[in-house]
Amino acid sequence: MKDNPTVSVHGLTKRYGDRTVVDGLDLDLPEGVVGGFVGPNGAGKTTTMAMLLGLVRPSAGSGTVLGAPIEDPAAYLPRVGAMVESPAFYPALSGRENLRMFATVGRHPEERVPALLDVVGLGDRGDDRYRTYSLGMKQRLGIAAALLGDPALLILDEPANGLDPQGVHEMRGLIGSLAHRGRTVLVSSHDLSELEQICDWLVMIEAGRLVYQGPASDFVSTTEHGFGVVPEHDRDIDTLAGVLASAGFGVDVEAEGDRGGFSVREGGHRSSCALRGICRYAVRIA
């Protein structure tokens, strides 16, 4: 990791009454990477991003974003672009008009709008009304709005959520092209397969706690180790075990105790790549 990571927070915690949504999270994001923020639905990804953006006040924790303390988001937010949850635009305005309005409100140069429409693949649809856009086009326009300030850090929350396979493929290509000239991208998903082809850094969480953090190449290597695999729903444990066994992983599938999952040892012709094709969420173990 470089000496000056784009994001470096420690012990980040968010509680709502007796419920802990993010639990002592340590997160370090190197400069210039496409970072995948992965975890099942409800793992705390959106809440973590909201804390980084100053939208939610942490219950505990400290750190920096772009070198400024997380306690003072106003010091770094001008250099951050974000799309959290569904983008909101005026349906009766065109994509171009919506971006111009966002540029005016954000005090960004309107001259960037045509180029950004081209970047996100909407150059020939910029004058169409927003209400005529497909879901994928709406997501891409949201990314264009997040890029208006030419941010050093771009945060995207589930940008491929709800897209069809072609839309997911196009979104992967777009996100992969956005990290350049030192820009860092943090993109969240509950599906590892959406991110593994474009991310060079992974942060994986479950129940608000860190599970894995580091280079994507380390996670996806096929050395003789294993994976801890946990179903999204406890009721699917037996089904998951059957699927793994039928796929060739049945030689050593052991219960993981109170984690409610399995320890899957790689062997024979079955590799970690095959396992990731079956499971959305798997964590390498020694």
Protein backbone atom coordinates (compact mmCIF):
# COMPACT_ATOMS: atom_id res chain seq x y z
CA MET A 1 0.00 0.00 0.00
CA LYS A 2 1.16 3.54 -0.71
CA ASP A 3 2.15 5.76 2.20
CA ASN A 4 -0.86 8.04 1.74
CA PRO A 5 -4.00 5.96 1.20
CA THR A 6 -7.08 7.71 -0.11
CA VAL A 7 -9.17 6.33 2.76
CA SER A 8 -7.79 5.13 6.09
CA VAL A 9 -10.25 4.67 8.96
CA HIS A 10 -9.96 2.60 12.11
CA GLY A 11 -12.57 1.34 14.53
CA LEU A 12 -15.39 2.87 12.46
CA THR A 13 -18.63 2.07 14.26
CA LYS A 14 -22.28 3.00 13.86
CA ARG A 15 -24.96 2.09 16.37
CA TYR A 16 -28.67 2.76 16.24
CA GLY A 17 -29.84 2.17 19.78
CA ASP A 18 -28.97 -1.42 20.69
CA ARG A 19 -28.29 -2.36 17.05
CA THR A 20 -24.72 -2.15 15.74
CA VAL A 21 -24.68 -1.72 11.95
CA VAL A 22 -20.93 -1.14 11.49
CA ASP A 23 -18.73 -2.73 14.14
CA GLY A 24 -15.14 -1.51 14.61
CA LEU A 25 -14.33 -1.48 10.90
CA ASP A 26 -10.76 -0.84 9.75
CA LEU A 27 -10.64 0.22 6.11
CA ASP A 28 -7.64 1.25 4.04
CA LEU A 29 -8.02 2.14 0.37
CA PRO A 30 -4.83 2.82 -1.64
CA GLU A 31 -4.67 5.71 -4.06
CA GLY A 32 -5.56 5.05 -7.68
CA VAL A 33 -7.26 1.66 -7.28
CA VAL A 34 -10.71 0.39 -8.17
CA GLY A 35 -11.73 -0.90 -4.76
CA GLY A 36 -14.54 -3.42 -4.42
CA PHE A 37 -16.59 -3.13 -1.23
CA VAL A 38 -18.28 -6.51 -0.97
CA GLY A 39 -20.72 -8.07 1.46
CA PRO A 40 -24.22 -9.53 1.67
CA ASN A 41 -27.24 -7.26 1.79
CA GLY A 42 -27.44 -5.64 5.21
CA ALA A 43 -23.70 -6.03 5.90
CA GLY A 44 -23.25 -2.28 6.51
CA LYS A 45 -21.81 -1.19 3.16
CA THR A 46 -24.18 1.73 2.54
CA THR A 47 -23.90 2.94 6.14
CA THR A 48 -20.09 2.87 5.89
CA MET A 49 -20.19 4.88 2.66
CA ALA A 50 -22.63 7.33 4.23
CA MET A 51 -20.20 7.88 7.12
CA LEU A 52 -17.34 8.51 4.69
CA LEU A 53 -19.54 11.07 2.94
CA GLY A 54 -20.56 12.87 6.12
CA LEU A 55 -24.20 11.84 5.71
CA VAL A 56 -24.16 9.74 8.89
CA ARG A 57 -22.22 10.58 12.03
CA PRO A 58 -20.06 7.68 13.31
CA SER A 59 -20.67 6.41 16.83
CA ALA A 60 -16.93 5.73 17.17
CA GLY A 61 -13.78 5.54 15.10
CA SER A 62 -11.25 7.86 13.51
CA GLY A 63 -9.27 8.23 10.32
CA THR A 64 -8.81 10.27 7.19
CA VAL A 65 -10.29 10.66 3.72
CA LEU A 66 -8.00 12.31 1.15
CA GLY A 67 -5.73 13.30 4.04
CA ALA A 68 -8.43 15.18 5.98
CA PRO A 69 -9.96 13.91 9.23
CA ILE A 70 -13.23 12.04 8.90
CA GLU A 71 -14.60 14.23 11.70
CA ASP A 72 -14.44 17.19 9.29
CA PRO A 73 -16.09 16.02 6.04
CA ALA A 74 -16.33 19.57 4.71
CA ALA A 75 -12.53 19.52 4.36
CA TYR A 76 -12.55 16.71 1.79
CA LEU A 77 -16.04 16.49 0.28
CA PRO A 78 -15.29 19.01 -2.52
CA ARG A 79 -12.87 16.37 -3.89
CA VAL A 80 -15.34 13.48 -3.59
CA GLY A 81 -18.03 12.39 -6.04
CA ALA A 82 -20.69 9.91 -5.04
CA MET A 83 -23.76 8.00 -6.14
CA VAL A 84 -25.44 6.45 -3.12
CA GLU A 85 -28.63 4.44 -3.67
CA SER A 86 -30.84 5.54 -6.58
CA PRO A 87 -29.88 8.75 -8.41
CA ALA A 88 -32.54 11.48 -8.33
CA PHE A 89 -33.17 13.59 -11.43
CA TYR A 90 -36.03 15.60 -12.89
CA PRO A 91 -38.02 13.29 -15.21
CA ALA A 92 -39.19 16.09 -17.53
CA LEU A 93 -35.67 17.41 -18.15
CA SER A 94 -33.18 15.88 -20.53
CA GLY A 95 -30.04 14.19 -19.30
CA ARG A 96 -28.02 17.18 -20.47
CA GLU A 97 -30.32 19.66 -18.70
CA ASN A 98 -30.19 17.66 -15.49
CA LEU A 99 -26.39 17.64 -15.52
CA ARG A 100 -26.28 21.37 -16.22
CA MET A 101 -28.55 21.96 -13.23
CA PHE A 102 -26.33 19.81 -11.00
CA ALA A 103 -23.28 21.66 -12.28
CA THR A 104 -24.84 25.01 -11.42
CA VAL A 105 -25.86 23.90 -7.92
CA GLY A 106 -22.45 22.36 -7.28
CA ARG A 107 -20.57 25.31 -8.82
CA HIS A 108 -18.91 23.07 -11.39
CA PRO A 109 -18.17 24.22 -14.96
CA GLU A 110 -21.04 23.39 -17.33
CA GLU A 111 -18.46 22.93 -20.08
CA ARG A 112 -17.74 19.46 -18.63
CA VAL A 113 -21.25 18.18 -19.37
CA PRO A 114 -20.82 17.13 -23.05
CA ALA A 115 -17.58 15.29 -22.33
CA LEU A 116 -19.08 13.49 -19.33
CA LEU A 117 -22.08 12.37 -21.36
CA ASP A 118 -19.61 10.80 -23.78
CA VAL A 119 -17.62 9.19 -20.94
CA VAL A 120 -20.70 7.39 -19.61
CA GLY A 121 -21.98 6.43 -23.07
CA LEU A 122 -24.88 8.87 -23.27
CA GLY A 123 -23.47 11.26 -25.85
CA ASP A 124 -26.23 10.48 -28.34
CA ARG A 125 -29.03 10.44 -25.75
CA GLY A 126 -28.17 13.55 -23.77
CA ASP A 127 -31.08 15.53 -25.20
CA ASP A 128 -33.68 12.84 -24.45
CA ARG A 129 -35.85 13.30 -21.40
CA TYR A 130 -34.73 11.46 -18.31
CA ARG A 131 -38.05 9.64 -17.97
CA THR A 132 -37.37 7.83 -21.25
CA TYR A 133 -34.07 6.39 -19.98
CA SER A 134 -33.62 2.73 -19.13
CA LEU A 135 -32.38 1.80 -15.64
CA GLY A 136 -28.84 1.38 -16.96
CA MET A 137 -28.92 4.82 -18.59
CA LYS A 138 -30.20 6.37 -15.36
CA GLN A 139 -27.34 4.77 -13.44
CA ARG A 140 -24.81 6.05 -15.97
CA LEU A 141 -26.24 9.56 -15.75
CA GLY A 142 -25.86 9.33 -11.97
CA ILE A 143 -22.19 8.49 -12.43
CA ALA A 144 -21.79 11.45 -14.80
CA ALA A 145 -23.26 13.72 -12.11
CA ALA A 146 -20.80 12.29 -9.56
CA LEU A 147 -17.93 13.12 -11.95
CA LEU A 148 -18.87 16.77 -12.46
CA GLY A 149 -16.28 17.98 -9.95
CA ASP A 150 -13.51 15.76 -11.37
CA PRO A 151 -13.23 14.02 -7.97
CA ALA A 152 -10.12 12.38 -6.55
CA LEU A 153 -12.39 9.80 -4.86
CA LEU A 154 -15.49 8.37 -6.52
CA ILE A 155 -17.92 6.36 -4.36
CA LEU A 156 -20.57 4.23 -6.08
CA ASP A 157 -23.14 2.27 -4.08
CA GLU A 158 -24.48 -0.80 -5.94
CA PRO A 159 -24.33 0.83 -9.42
CA ALA A 160 -25.22 -2.46 -11.17
CA ASN A 161 -28.16 -3.29 -8.90
CA GLY A 162 -31.21 -4.30 -10.92
CA LEU A 163 -29.47 -4.23 -14.30
CA ASP A 164 -29.82 -7.03 -16.83
CA PRO A 165 -26.68 -9.02 -17.81
CA GLN A 166 -25.86 -6.67 -20.68
CA GLY A 167 -26.26 -3.66 -18.40
CA VAL A 168 -24.00 -5.25 -15.79
CA HIS A 169 -21.35 -5.90 -18.45
CA GLU A 170 -21.51 -2.29 -19.65
CA MET A 171 -21.34 -0.98 -16.08
CA ARG A 172 -18.23 -3.08 -15.40
CA GLY A 173 -16.51 -1.57 -18.42
CA LEU A 174 -17.45 1.96 -17.38
CA ILE A 175 -16.28 1.57 -13.78
CA GLY A 176 -13.02 -0.02 -14.88
CA SER A 177 -12.24 3.04 -17.00
CA LEU A 178 -12.79 5.60 -14.23
CA ALA A 179 -9.66 5.07 -12.13
CA HIS A 180 -6.98 7.15 -13.83
CA ARG A 181 -4.61 10.01 -13.06
CA GLY A 182 -4.67 9.15 -9.38
CA ARG A 183 -8.46 8.89 -9.04
CA THR A 184 -9.62 6.21 -6.61
CA VAL A 185 -12.93 4.41 -7.06
CA LEU A 186 -14.82 2.60 -4.27
CA VAL A 187 -17.74 0.55 -5.58
CA SER A 188 -20.00 -1.64 -3.48
CA SER A 189 -21.88 -4.81 -4.37
CA HIS A 190 -23.32 -7.86 -2.66
CA ASP A 191 -22.10 -9.97 -5.59
CA LEU A 192 -18.37 -10.63 -5.85
CA SER A 193 -18.69 -11.75 -9.46
CA GLU A 194 -19.77 -8.22 -10.43
CA LEU A 195 -16.47 -6.79 -9.19
CA GLU A 196 -13.77 -9.44 -9.52
CA GLN A 197 -12.98 -8.55 -13.15
CA ILE A 198 -12.42 -4.84 -12.55
CA CYS A 199 -11.21 -4.41 -8.96
CA ASP A 200 -7.58 -4.53 -7.91
CA TRP A 201 -8.40 -4.08 -4.20
CA LEU A 202 -11.10 -5.81 -2.15
CA VAL A 203 -12.73 -4.96 1.15
CA MET A 204 -15.18 -7.61 2.35
CA ILE A 205 -17.47 -7.20 5.35
CA GLU A 206 -20.17 -9.20 7.07
CA ALA A 207 -22.45 -7.95 9.85
CA GLY A 208 -20.48 -4.70 9.87
CA ARG A 209 -17.15 -6.40 10.52
CA LEU A 210 -14.09 -6.73 8.30
CA VAL A 211 -13.64 -10.18 6.78
CA TYR A 212 -10.94 -9.57 4.17
CA GLN A 213 -8.96 -6.59 2.93
CA GLY A 214 -6.14 -6.54 0.42
CA PRO A 215 -5.18 -6.97 -3.23
CA ALA A 216 -7.75 -8.80 -5.30
CA SER A 217 -4.97 -10.95 -6.74
CA ASP A 218 -4.22 -12.34 -3.28
CA PHE A 219 -7.84 -13.28 -2.71
CA VAL A 220 -8.35 -15.00 -6.05
CA SER A 221 -5.06 -16.92 -6.14
CA THR A 222 -5.37 -20.69 -6.43
CA THR A 223 -2.82 -21.78 -3.86
CA GLU A 224 -3.66 -24.84 -1.78
CA HIS A 225 -5.84 -23.16 0.79
CA GLY A 226 -9.54 -23.15 1.38
CA PHE A 227 -12.55 -20.94 1.72
CA GLY A 228 -15.03 -20.23 4.46
CA VAL A 229 -18.43 -20.20 2.80
CA VAL A 230 -21.61 -18.93 4.47
CA PRO A 231 -25.09 -18.83 2.85
CA GLU A 232 -27.02 -15.58 2.88
CA HIS A 233 -29.87 -17.35 4.70
CA ASP A 234 -29.32 -20.01 7.39
CA ARG A 235 -32.08 -22.17 5.92
CA ASP A 236 -29.95 -22.67 2.79
CA ILE A 237 -27.06 -24.43 4.56
CA ASP A 238 -28.07 -27.93 3.42
CA THR A 239 -28.78 -26.74 -0.11
CA LEU A 240 -25.39 -25.02 -0.30
CA ALA A 241 -23.63 -28.16 0.92
CA GLY A 242 -25.39 -30.19 -1.80
CA VAL A 243 -24.46 -27.71 -4.53
CA LEU A 244 -20.81 -27.68 -3.46
CA ALA A 245 -20.70 -31.45 -3.30
CA SER A 246 -22.25 -31.87 -6.75
CA ALA A 247 -19.76 -29.33 -8.14
CA GLY A 248 -16.79 -31.36 -6.96
CA PHE A 249 -16.07 -29.75 -3.60
CA GLY A 250 -17.49 -32.59 -1.51
CA VAL A 251 -14.13 -34.10 -0.51
CA ASP A 252 -13.76 -31.94 2.58
CA VAL A 253 -16.80 -29.82 3.44
CA GLU A 254 -16.76 -29.25 7.17
CA ALA A 255 -19.23 -27.34 9.33
CA GLU A 256 -17.95 -23.96 10.51
CA GLY A 257 -19.61 -24.09 13.92
CA ASP A 258 -21.44 -20.94 15.03
CA ARG A 259 -20.68 -19.19 11.73
CA GLY A 260 -23.40 -21.31 10.11
CA GLY A 261 -21.31 -22.18 7.06
CA PHE A 262 -18.59 -24.49 5.79
CA SER A 263 -14.87 -24.81 5.40
CA VAL A 264 -14.30 -25.84 1.78
CA ARG A 265 -10.93 -27.25 0.82
CA GLU A 266 -9.83 -26.95 -2.78
CA GLY A 267 -8.60 -30.07 -4.49
CA GLY A 268 -8.53 -32.05 -7.68
CA HIS A 269 -9.76 -30.15 -10.70
CA ARG A 270 -11.90 -27.72 -8.72
CA SER A 271 -10.33 -24.30 -8.18
CA SER A 272 -11.21 -21.11 -6.34
CA CYS A 273 -12.44 -19.69 -9.65
CA ALA A 274 -15.05 -22.44 -9.85
CA LEU A 275 -16.08 -21.82 -6.26
CA ARG A 276 -16.60 -18.12 -6.95
CA GLY A 277 -18.81 -19.10 -9.86
CA ILE A 278 -21.12 -20.84 -7.39
CA CYS A 279 -20.92 -18.56 -4.35
CA ARG A 280 -21.39 -14.83 -4.28
CA TYR A 281 -19.41 -14.45 -1.08
CA ALA A 282 -16.44 -16.57 0.01
CA VAL A 283 -13.50 -15.79 2.29
CA ARG A 284 -10.06 -17.36 1.92
CA ILE A 285 -8.70 -19.13 4.98
CA ALA A 286 -5.29 -20.57 5.76
